[in-house]
Amino acid sequence: MVLNIRPVVSPGMAGCCTVLSFFGVIILSVFGYFFSHRAYGLTSSHEDPEDPDFVAKLCYTSAIVYAVFMVFCGLQLGVHARYPRGVQL
């Protein structure tokens, strides 16, 4: 079964989204790790969140959303590579 997949976003936007999503996954995963381990710099002040475990879960959930965008945009780059340049889609 062959799927006829068309590009949804331009190659430049797909590349930008892939790179930014990659860094978003890394940064949010690190923040989630620090909040789940109650890092002193993030949880020691009275202005910091009362439930660091909940904040860690939010960071991990956001990292998953960014990972989904990264996969989607990476696949869009692959779709653009399949079509020759200048072809009207």
Protein backbone atom coordinates (compact mmCIF):
# COMPACT_ATOMS: atom_id res chain seq x y z
CA MET A 1 0.00 0.00 0.00
CA VAL A 2 1.56 3.25 -1.14
CA LEU A 3 0.57 6.46 0.58
CA ASN A 4 0.39 9.60 -1.51
CA ILE A 5 1.71 12.07 1.04
CA ARG A 6 1.89 15.73 0.10
CA PRO A 7 3.97 18.40 1.83
CA VAL A 8 2.04 20.49 4.35
CA VAL A 9 4.73 23.06 5.17
CA SER A 10 7.62 24.50 3.18
CA PRO A 11 11.07 22.91 3.46
CA GLY A 12 12.46 25.92 5.31
CA MET A 13 9.69 25.88 7.87
CA ALA A 14 10.00 22.11 8.29
CA GLY A 15 13.73 22.40 8.91
CA CYS A 16 13.29 25.26 11.37
CA CYS A 17 10.55 23.39 13.22
CA THR A 18 12.69 20.25 13.40
CA VAL A 19 15.69 22.07 14.86
CA LEU A 20 13.67 24.15 17.34
CA SER A 21 11.68 21.10 18.42
CA PHE A 22 14.89 19.16 18.99
CA PHE A 23 16.22 21.85 21.32
CA GLY A 24 12.81 22.13 22.98
CA VAL A 25 12.80 18.41 23.77
CA ILE A 26 16.30 18.62 25.25
CA ILE A 27 15.65 21.72 27.35
CA LEU A 28 12.25 20.61 28.66
CA SER A 29 13.58 17.15 29.50
CA VAL A 30 16.43 18.70 31.49
CA PHE A 31 14.02 21.01 33.33
CA GLY A 32 11.74 18.05 34.05
CA TYR A 33 14.68 16.09 35.43
CA PHE A 34 15.75 18.97 37.67
CA PHE A 35 12.23 19.57 38.97
CA SER A 36 11.64 15.86 39.62
CA HIS A 37 14.90 15.68 41.58
CA ARG A 38 14.08 18.96 43.38
CA ALA A 39 17.16 20.86 42.25
CA TYR A 40 18.04 23.49 44.81
CA GLY A 41 18.19 26.34 42.31
CA LEU A 42 14.67 25.65 41.02
CA THR A 43 12.82 24.72 44.21
CA SER A 44 14.49 26.55 47.11
CA SER A 45 12.84 29.98 46.90
CA HIS A 46 9.43 30.86 48.35
CA GLU A 47 8.36 32.04 44.86
CA ASP A 48 9.05 28.66 43.29
CA PRO A 49 6.29 26.11 42.57
CA GLU A 50 4.80 24.29 45.54
CA ASP A 51 4.61 20.94 43.74
CA PRO A 52 7.82 20.35 41.74
CA ASP A 53 6.68 16.86 40.71
CA PHE A 54 3.65 18.33 38.93
CA VAL A 55 5.88 20.85 37.16
CA ALA A 56 8.20 18.00 36.14
CA LYS A 57 5.24 16.11 34.64
CA LEU A 58 4.25 19.23 32.70
CA CYS A 59 7.79 19.58 31.38
CA TYR A 60 7.89 15.94 30.30
CA THR A 61 4.46 16.23 28.65
CA SER A 62 5.58 19.35 26.79
CA ALA A 63 8.74 17.55 25.69
CA ILE A 64 6.57 14.77 24.23
CA VAL A 65 4.52 17.34 22.30
CA TYR A 66 7.73 18.87 20.94
CA ALA A 67 8.95 15.38 19.99
CA VAL A 68 5.76 14.80 18.00
CA PHE A 69 6.30 18.09 16.15
CA MET A 70 9.93 17.13 15.54
CA VAL A 71 8.90 13.81 13.99
CA PHE A 72 6.18 15.43 11.87
CA CYS A 73 8.46 18.15 10.54
CA GLY A 74 11.28 15.67 9.98
CA LEU A 75 8.91 13.56 7.90
CA GLN A 76 7.93 16.69 5.99
CA LEU A 77 11.60 17.18 5.13
CA GLY A 78 11.61 13.63 3.79
CA VAL A 79 8.51 14.29 1.71
CA HIS A 80 10.12 17.40 0.23
CA ALA A 81 13.19 15.36 -0.67
CA ARG A 82 10.99 12.96 -2.68
CA TYR A 83 9.57 15.71 -4.91
CA PRO A 84 11.83 17.35 -7.49
CA ARG A 85 12.37 21.07 -7.12
CA GLY A 86 9.98 23.26 -9.09
CA VAL A 87 7.18 20.70 -9.41
CA GLN A 88 3.73 22.15 -8.80
CA LEU A 89 2.08 20.18 -6.02
